[in-house]
C-alpha cells in the first residue's frame, strides 16, 4: 500500500467529506486515490490562503475538522 492510499483510507475511516486544496503535481497520487474512492471530495481554490480560509470556515460551520492539502513551497509559509 502506498502512503497516499493509506492517507485516503484513514480519511475515509474518519468520514471526511471534503478537502480544500490548490492542486499541484506533487499531490497527484493523493488526488487520484481520493477520486477513485469518491471520498473525500476536493474543493479547489486559486490561492493557498483561500483554501485555508475555506477549511477554517467549514470546520466552524460543520463542527468537524476542515482538511487542507498542499505541497511545500513559498506559498505554504505565508500564514495559511
PDB file of N, CA and C in Angstrom:
ATOM      1  N   UNK A   1       0.848  -1.178   0.000  1.00  0.00           N
ATOM      2  CA  UNK A   1       0.000   0.000   0.000  1.00  0.00           C
ATOM      3  C   UNK A   1       0.891   1.238   0.000  1.00  0.00           C
ATOM      4  N   UNK A   2       0.556   2.183  -0.835  1.00  0.00           N
ATOM      5  CA  UNK A   2       1.316   3.428  -0.909  1.00  0.00           C
ATOM      6  C   UNK A   2       0.842   4.393   0.174  1.00  0.00           C
ATOM      7  N   UNK A   3       1.686   5.370   0.466  1.00  0.00           N
ATOM      8  CA  UNK A   3       1.370   6.346   1.512  1.00  0.00           C
ATOM      9  C   UNK A   3       0.081   7.093   1.168  1.00  0.00           C
ATOM     10  N   UNK A   4      -0.069   7.510  -0.081  1.00  0.00           N
ATOM     11  CA  UNK A   4      -1.277   8.248  -0.459  1.00  0.00           C
ATOM     12  C   UNK A   4      -2.530   7.394  -0.280  1.00  0.00           C
ATOM     13  N   UNK A   5      -2.431   6.095  -0.562  1.00  0.00           N
ATOM     14  CA  UNK A   5      -3.574   5.195  -0.355  1.00  0.00           C
ATOM     15  C   UNK A   5      -3.909   5.076   1.124  1.00  0.00           C
ATOM     16  N   UNK A   6      -2.879   4.967   1.958  1.00  0.00           N
ATOM     17  CA  UNK A   6      -3.099   4.858   3.400  1.00  0.00           C
ATOM     18  C   UNK A   6      -3.737   6.125   3.958  1.00  0.00           C
ATOM     19  N   UNK A   7      -3.300   7.283   3.465  1.00  0.00           N
ATOM     20  CA  UNK A   7      -3.882   8.544   3.931  1.00  0.00           C
ATOM     21  C   UNK A   7      -5.345   8.621   3.544  1.00  0.00           C
ATOM     22  N   UNK A   8      -5.656   8.272   2.302  1.00  0.00           N
ATOM     23  CA  UNK A   8      -7.053   8.313   1.855  1.00  0.00           C
ATOM     24  C   UNK A   8      -7.896   7.326   2.648  1.00  0.00           C
ATOM     25  N   UNK A   9      -7.383   6.133   2.886  1.00  0.00           N
ATOM     26  CA  UNK A   9      -8.122   5.142   3.680  1.00  0.00           C
ATOM     27  C   UNK A   9      -8.417   5.654   5.086  1.00  0.00           C
ATOM     28  N   UNK A  10      -7.436   6.313   5.706  1.00  0.00           N
ATOM     29  CA  UNK A  10      -7.665   6.834   7.056  1.00  0.00           C
ATOM     30  C   UNK A  10      -8.686   7.974   7.038  1.00  0.00           C
ATOM     31  N   UNK A  11      -8.682   8.792   5.985  1.00  0.00           N
ATOM     32  CA  UNK A  11      -9.670   9.869   5.887  1.00  0.00           C
ATOM     33  C   UNK A  11     -11.068   9.321   5.647  1.00  0.00           C
ATOM     34  N   UNK A  12     -11.174   8.252   4.858  1.00  0.00           N
ATOM     35  CA  UNK A  12     -12.473   7.603   4.642  1.00  0.00           C
ATOM     36  C   UNK A  12     -12.969   6.998   5.951  1.00  0.00           C
ATOM     37  N   UNK A  13     -12.062   6.387   6.715  1.00  0.00           N
ATOM     38  CA  UNK A  13     -12.437   5.800   8.003  1.00  0.00           C
ATOM     39  C   UNK A  13     -12.933   6.865   8.975  1.00  0.00           C
ATOM     40  N   UNK A  14     -12.386   8.077   8.873  1.00  0.00           N
ATOM     41  CA  UNK A  14     -12.812   9.192   9.734  1.00  0.00           C
ATOM     42  C   UNK A  14     -14.020   9.933   9.152  1.00  0.00           C
ATOM     43  N   UNK A  15     -14.521   9.485   8.005  1.00  0.00           N
ATOM     44  CA  UNK A  15     -15.711  10.047   7.360  1.00  0.00           C
ATOM     45  C   UNK A  15     -15.524  11.515   6.949  1.00  0.00           C
ATOM     46  N   UNK A  16     -14.324  11.834   6.418  1.00  0.00           N
ATOM     47  CA  UNK A  16     -14.082  13.180   5.910  1.00  0.00           C
ATOM     48  C   UNK A  16     -14.851  13.362   4.606  1.00  0.00           C
ATOM     49  N   UNK A  17     -15.608  14.458   4.511  1.00  0.00           N
ATOM     50  CA  UNK A  17     -16.394  14.711   3.304  1.00  0.00           C
ATOM     51  C   UNK A  17     -15.589  15.414   2.222  1.00  0.00           C
ATOM     52  N   UNK A  18     -14.846  16.442   2.594  1.00  0.00           N
ATOM     53  CA  UNK A  18     -14.160  17.292   1.633  1.00  0.00           C
ATOM     54  C   UNK A  18     -12.736  17.596   2.083  1.00  0.00           C
ATOM     55  N   UNK A  19     -11.923  17.979   1.121  1.00  0.00           N
ATOM     56  CA  UNK A  19     -10.637  18.589   1.420  1.00  0.00           C
ATOM     57  C   UNK A  19     -10.468  19.793   0.506  1.00  0.00           C
ATOM     58  N   UNK A  20      -9.767  20.768   0.989  1.00  0.00           N
ATOM     59  CA  UNK A  20      -9.567  22.030   0.283  1.00  0.00           C
ATOM     60  C   UNK A  20      -8.119  22.085  -0.176  1.00  0.00           C
ATOM     61  N   UNK A  21      -7.898  22.466  -1.425  1.00  0.00           N
ATOM     62  CA  UNK A  21      -6.560  22.381  -1.975  1.00  0.00           C
ATOM     63  C   UNK A  21      -6.328  23.400  -3.075  1.00  0.00           C
ATOM     64  N   UNK A  22      -5.080  23.594  -3.387  1.00  0.00           N
ATOM     65  CA  UNK A  22      -4.625  24.221  -4.620  1.00  0.00           C
ATOM     66  C   UNK A  22      -3.848  23.112  -5.307  1.00  0.00           C
ATOM     67  N   UNK A  23      -4.424  22.547  -6.352  1.00  0.00           N
ATOM     68  CA  UNK A  23      -3.844  21.370  -6.974  1.00  0.00           C
ATOM     69  C   UNK A  23      -2.434  21.647  -7.487  1.00  0.00           C
ATOM     70  N   UNK A  24      -1.533  20.697  -7.251  1.00  0.00           N
ATOM     71  CA  UNK A  24      -0.165  20.743  -7.749  1.00  0.00           C
ATOM     72  C   UNK A  24       0.270  19.314  -8.056  1.00  0.00           C
ATOM     73  N   UNK A  25       1.252  19.187  -8.887  1.00  0.00           N
ATOM     74  CA  UNK A  25       1.709  17.880  -9.357  1.00  0.00           C
ATOM     75  C   UNK A  25       2.126  16.950  -8.217  1.00  0.00           C
ATOM     76  N   UNK A  26       2.664  17.498  -7.154  1.00  0.00           N
ATOM     77  CA  UNK A  26       3.192  16.670  -6.069  1.00  0.00           C
ATOM     78  C   UNK A  26       2.106  15.941  -5.283  1.00  0.00           C
ATOM     79  N   UNK A  27       0.868  16.340  -5.381  1.00  0.00           N
ATOM     80  CA  UNK A  27      -0.206  15.662  -4.648  1.00  0.00           C
ATOM     81  C   UNK A  27      -1.079  14.818  -5.566  1.00  0.00           C
ATOM     82  N   UNK A  28      -0.583  14.528  -6.771  1.00  0.00           N
ATOM     83  CA  UNK A  28      -1.367  13.774  -7.747  1.00  0.00           C
ATOM     84  C   UNK A  28      -1.777  12.406  -7.212  1.00  0.00           C
ATOM     85  N   UNK A  29      -0.871  11.697  -6.556  1.00  0.00           N
ATOM     86  CA  UNK A  29      -1.207  10.374  -6.013  1.00  0.00           C
ATOM     87  C   UNK A  29      -2.366  10.435  -5.035  1.00  0.00           C
ATOM     88  N   UNK A  30      -2.332  11.405  -4.151  1.00  0.00           N
ATOM     89  CA  UNK A  30      -3.417  11.579  -3.184  1.00  0.00           C
ATOM     90  C   UNK A  30      -4.724  11.895  -3.897  1.00  0.00           C
ATOM     91  N   UNK A  31      -4.681  12.817  -4.849  1.00  0.00           N
ATOM     92  CA  UNK A  31      -5.889  13.239  -5.557  1.00  0.00           C
ATOM     93  C   UNK A  31      -6.502  12.064  -6.329  1.00  0.00           C
ATOM     94  N   UNK A  32      -5.670  11.308  -7.023  1.00  0.00           N
ATOM     95  CA  UNK A  32      -6.172  10.157  -7.786  1.00  0.00           C
ATOM     96  C   UNK A  32      -6.821   9.137  -6.865  1.00  0.00           C
ATOM     97  N   UNK A  33      -6.177   8.818  -5.742  1.00  0.00           N
ATOM     98  CA  UNK A  33      -6.747   7.843  -4.804  1.00  0.00           C
ATOM     99  C   UNK A  33      -8.049   8.334  -4.199  1.00  0.00           C
ATOM    100  N   UNK A  34      -8.114   9.615  -3.867  1.00  0.00           N
ATOM    101  CA  UNK A  34      -9.355  10.165  -3.301  1.00  0.00           C
ATOM    102  C   UNK A  34     -10.472  10.152  -4.337  1.00  0.00           C
ATOM    103  N   UNK A  35     -10.152  10.486  -5.586  1.00  0.00           N
ATOM    104  CA  UNK A  35     -11.174  10.478  -6.634  1.00  0.00           C
ATOM    105  C   UNK A  35     -11.653   9.066  -6.933  1.00  0.00           C
ATOM    106  N   UNK A  36     -10.751   8.090  -6.889  1.00  0.00           N
ATOM    107  CA  UNK A  36     -11.152   6.704  -7.129  1.00  0.00           C
ATOM    108  C   UNK A  36     -12.073   6.185  -6.026  1.00  0.00           C
ATOM    109  N   UNK A  37     -11.832   6.615  -4.792  1.00  0.00           N
ATOM    110  CA  UNK A  37     -12.693   6.214  -3.666  1.00  0.00           C
ATOM    111  C   UNK A  37     -14.000   6.998  -3.637  1.00  0.00           C
ATOM    112  N   UNK A  38     -13.967   8.195  -4.218  1.00  0.00           N
ATOM    113  CA  UNK A  38     -15.161   9.041  -4.197  1.00  0.00           C
ATOM    114  C   UNK A  38     -15.298   9.865  -2.930  1.00  0.00           C
ATOM    115  N   UNK A  39     -14.351   9.715  -2.037  1.00  0.00           N
ATOM    116  CA  UNK A  39     -14.382  10.440  -0.771  1.00  0.00           C
ATOM    117  C   UNK A  39     -12.980  10.510  -0.231  1.00  0.00           C
ATOM    118  N   UNK A  40     -12.510  11.556   0.317  1.00  0.00           N
ATOM    119  CA  UNK A  40     -13.135  12.874   0.384  1.00  0.00           C
ATOM    120  C   UNK A  40     -13.093  13.568  -0.976  1.00  0.00           C
ATOM    121  N   UNK A  41     -14.018  14.454  -1.197  1.00  0.00           N
ATOM    122  CA  UNK A  41     -14.129  15.185  -2.460  1.00  0.00           C
ATOM    123  C   UNK A  41     -13.304  16.462  -2.367  1.00  0.00           C
ATOM    124  N   UNK A  42     -12.733  16.858  -3.506  1.00  0.00           N
ATOM    125  CA  UNK A  42     -11.867  18.041  -3.483  1.00  0.00           C
ATOM    126  C   UNK A  42     -12.643  19.310  -3.797  1.00  0.00           C
ATOM    127  N   UNK A  43     -12.228  20.375  -3.149  1.00  0.00           N
ATOM    128  CA  UNK A  43     -12.704  21.723  -3.456  1.00  0.00           C
ATOM    129  C   UNK A  43     -11.435  22.535  -3.706  1.00  0.00           C
ATOM    130  N   UNK A  44     -11.275  22.953  -4.957  1.00  0.00           N
ATOM    131  CA  UNK A  44     -10.058  23.659  -5.366  1.00  0.00           C
ATOM    132  C   UNK A  44     -10.197  25.156  -5.169  1.00  0.00           C
ATOM    133  N   UNK A  45      -9.101  25.761  -4.793  1.00  0.00           N
ATOM    134  CA  UNK A  45      -9.034  27.209  -4.612  1.00  0.00           C
ATOM    135  C   UNK A  45      -7.949  27.763  -5.525  1.00  0.00           C
ATOM    136  N   UNK A  46      -7.937  29.059  -5.689  1.00  0.00           N
ATOM    137  CA  UNK A  46      -6.929  29.717  -6.518  1.00  0.00           C
ATOM    138  C   UNK A  46      -5.655  29.976  -5.723  1.00  0.00           C
ATOM    139  N   UNK A  47      -5.796  30.316  -4.441  1.00  0.00           N
ATOM    140  CA  UNK A  47      -4.653  30.646  -3.597  1.00  0.00           C
ATOM    141  C   UNK A  47      -4.681  29.767  -2.348  1.00  0.00           C
ATOM    142  N   UNK A  48      -3.497  29.438  -1.838  1.00  0.00           N
ATOM    143  CA  UNK A  48      -3.414  28.616  -0.628  1.00  0.00           C
ATOM    144  C   UNK A  48      -4.090  29.256   0.573  1.00  0.00           C
ATOM    145  N   UNK A  49      -3.904  30.560   0.820  1.00  0.00           N
ATOM    146  CA  UNK A  49      -4.621  31.147   1.959  1.00  0.00           C
ATOM    147  C   UNK A  49      -6.146  31.066   1.807  1.00  0.00           C
ATOM    148  N   UNK A  50      -6.629  31.130   0.574  1.00  0.00           N
ATOM    149  CA  UNK A  50      -8.071  30.986   0.347  1.00  0.00           C
ATOM    150  C   UNK A  50      -8.559  29.598   0.705  1.00  0.00           C
ATOM    151  N   UNK A  51      -7.786  28.579   0.340  1.00  0.00           N
ATOM    152  CA  UNK A  51      -8.150  27.210   0.697  1.00  0.00           C
ATOM    153  C   UNK A  51      -8.087  27.010   2.207  1.00  0.00           C
ATOM    154  N   UNK A  52      -7.094  27.609   2.847  1.00  0.00           N
ATOM    155  CA  UNK A  52      -7.007  27.531   4.305  1.00  0.00           C
ATOM    156  C   UNK A  52      -8.201  28.181   4.970  1.00  0.00           C
ATOM    157  N   UNK A  53      -8.626  29.310   4.432  1.00  0.00           N
ATOM    158  CA  UNK A  53      -9.798  30.001   4.973  1.00  0.00           C
ATOM    159  C   UNK A  53     -11.055  29.155   4.778  1.00  0.00           C
ATOM    160  N   UNK A  54     -11.184  28.523   3.612  1.00  0.00           N
ATOM    161  CA  UNK A  54     -12.342  27.652   3.371  1.00  0.00           C
ATOM    162  C   UNK A  54     -12.370  26.492   4.365  1.00  0.00           C
ATOM    163  N   UNK A  55     -11.192  25.912   4.634  1.00  0.00           N
ATOM    164  CA  UNK A  55     -11.123  24.830   5.609  1.00  0.00           C
ATOM    165  C   UNK A  55     -11.508  25.291   7.007  1.00  0.00           C
ATOM    166  N   UNK A  56     -11.065  26.491   7.368  1.00  0.00           N
ATOM    167  CA  UNK A  56     -11.398  27.055   8.675  1.00  0.00           C
ATOM    168  C   UNK A  56     -12.897  27.297   8.813  1.00  0.00           C
ATOM    169  N   UNK A  57     -13.483  27.921   7.812  1.00  0.00           N
ATOM    170  CA  UNK A  57     -14.920  28.217   7.861  1.00  0.00           C
ATOM    171  C   UNK A  57     -15.726  26.924   7.853  1.00  0.00           C
ATOM    172  N   UNK A  58     -15.323  25.953   7.038  1.00  0.00           N
ATOM    173  CA  UNK A  58     -16.014  24.664   7.000  1.00  0.00           C
ATOM    174  C   UNK A  58     -16.004  24.013   8.381  1.00  0.00           C
ATOM    175  N   UNK A  59     -14.852  24.047   9.052  1.00  0.00           N
ATOM    176  CA  UNK A  59     -14.764  23.422  10.371  1.00  0.00           C
ATOM    177  C   UNK A  59     -15.653  24.117  11.392  1.00  0.00           C
ATOM    178  N   UNK A  60     -15.787  25.418  11.274  1.00  0.00           N
ATOM    179  CA  UNK A  60     -16.637  26.148  12.225  1.00  0.00           C
ATOM    180  C   UNK A  60     -18.116  25.911  11.951  1.00  0.00           C
ATOM    181  N   UNK A  61     -18.492  25.856  10.685  1.00  0.00           N
ATOM    182  CA  UNK A  61     -19.900  25.666  10.333  1.00  0.00           C
ATOM    183  C   UNK A  61     -20.346  24.234  10.605  1.00  0.00           C
ATOM    184  N   UNK A  62     -19.544  23.252  10.188  1.00  0.00           N
ATOM    185  CA  UNK A  62     -19.915  21.840  10.331  1.00  0.00           C
ATOM    186  C   UNK A  62     -19.522  21.250  11.682  1.00  0.00           C
ATOM    187  N   UNK A  63     -18.707  21.979  12.448  1.00  0.00           N
ATOM    188  CA  UNK A  63     -18.198  21.488  13.727  1.00  0.00           C
ATOM    189  C   UNK A  63     -17.480  20.146  13.575  1.00  0.00           C
ATOM    190  N   UNK A  64     -16.683  20.079  12.511  1.00  0.00           N
ATOM    191  CA  UNK A  64     -15.826  18.927  12.254  1.00  0.00           C
ATOM    192  C   UNK A  64     -14.546  19.442  11.597  1.00  0.00           C
ATOM    193  N   UNK A  65     -13.505  18.637  11.558  1.00  0.00           N
ATOM    194  CA  UNK A  65     -12.239  19.134  11.012  1.00  0.00           C
ATOM    195  C   UNK A  65     -12.356  19.578   9.553  1.00  0.00           C
ATOM    196  N   UNK A  66     -11.666  20.661   9.228  1.00  0.00           N
ATOM    197  CA  UNK A  66     -11.544  21.114   7.848  1.00  0.00           C
ATOM    198  C   UNK A  66     -10.157  20.735   7.356  1.00  0.00           C
ATOM    199  N   UNK A  67     -10.079  19.940   6.323  1.00  0.00           N
ATOM    200  CA  UNK A  67      -8.818  19.394   5.845  1.00  0.00           C
ATOM    201  C   UNK A  67      -8.298  20.201   4.664  1.00  0.00           C
ATOM    202  N   UNK A  68      -7.047  20.641   4.745  1.00  0.00           N
ATOM    203  CA  UNK A  68      -6.383  21.335   3.642  1.00  0.00           C
ATOM    204  C   UNK A  68      -5.207  20.480   3.191  1.00  0.00           C
ATOM    205  N   UNK A  69      -5.058  20.324   1.879  1.00  0.00           N
ATOM    206  CA  UNK A  69      -3.976  19.527   1.308  1.00  0.00           C
ATOM    207  C   UNK A  69      -3.161  20.434   0.402  1.00  0.00           C
ATOM    208  N   UNK A  70      -1.882  20.627   0.741  1.00  0.00           N
ATOM    209  CA  UNK A  70      -0.993  21.496  -0.019  1.00  0.00           C
ATOM    210  C   UNK A  70       0.331  20.792  -0.267  1.00  0.00           C
ATOM    211  N   UNK A  71       1.134  21.402  -1.103  1.00  0.00           N
ATOM    212  CA  UNK A  71       2.516  20.983  -1.275  1.00  0.00           C
ATOM    213  C   UNK A  71       3.411  22.003  -0.597  1.00  0.00           C
ATOM    214  N   UNK A  72       4.651  21.646  -0.435  1.00  0.00           N
ATOM    215  CA  UNK A  72       5.603  22.598   0.112  1.00  0.00           C
ATOM    216  C   UNK A  72       5.944  23.672  -0.910  1.00  0.00           C
ATOM    217  N   UNK A  73       6.501  24.732  -0.441  1.00  0.00           N
ATOM    218  CA  UNK A  73       6.901  25.807  -1.342  1.00  0.00           C
ATOM    219  C   UNK A  73       6.715  27.155  -0.696  1.00  0.00           C
ATOM    220  N   UNK A  74       6.986  28.212  -1.436  1.00  0.00           N
ATOM    221  CA  UNK A  74       6.914  29.546  -0.850  1.00  0.00           C
ATOM    222  C   UNK A  74       5.513  29.934  -0.395  1.00  0.00           C
ATOM    223  N   UNK A  75       4.476  29.446  -1.046  1.00  0.00           N
ATOM    224  CA  UNK A  75       3.120  29.796  -0.642  1.00  0.00           C
ATOM    225  C   UNK A  75       2.695  29.155   0.661  1.00  0.00           C
ATOM    226  N   UNK A  76       3.322  28.022   1.008  1.00  0.00           N
ATOM    227  CA  UNK A  76       2.960  27.321   2.230  1.00  0.00           C
ATOM    228  C   UNK A  76       3.402  28.007   3.498  1.00  0.00           C
ATOM    229  N   UNK A  77       4.280  28.956   3.394  1.00  0.00           N
ATOM    230  CA  UNK A  77       4.784  29.620   4.580  1.00  0.00           C
ATOM    231  C   UNK A  77       4.185  31.025   4.764  1.00  0.00           C
ATOM    232  N   UNK A  78       3.092  31.303   4.106  1.00  0.00           N
ATOM    233  CA  UNK A  78       2.536  32.647   4.144  1.00  0.00           C
ATOM    234  C   UNK A  78       1.286  32.736   5.009  1.00  0.00           C
ATOM    235  N   UNK A  79       1.214  31.958   6.038  1.00  0.00           N
ATOM    236  CA  UNK A  79       0.132  32.123   7.015  1.00  0.00           C
ATOM    237  C   UNK A  79      -1.154  31.418   6.682  1.00  0.00           C
ATOM    238  N   UNK A  80      -1.099  30.324   5.926  1.00  0.00           N
ATOM    239  CA  UNK A  80      -2.349  29.617   5.619  1.00  0.00           C
ATOM    240  C   UNK A  80      -2.556  28.412   6.469  1.00  0.00           C
TER     241      UNK A  80
END
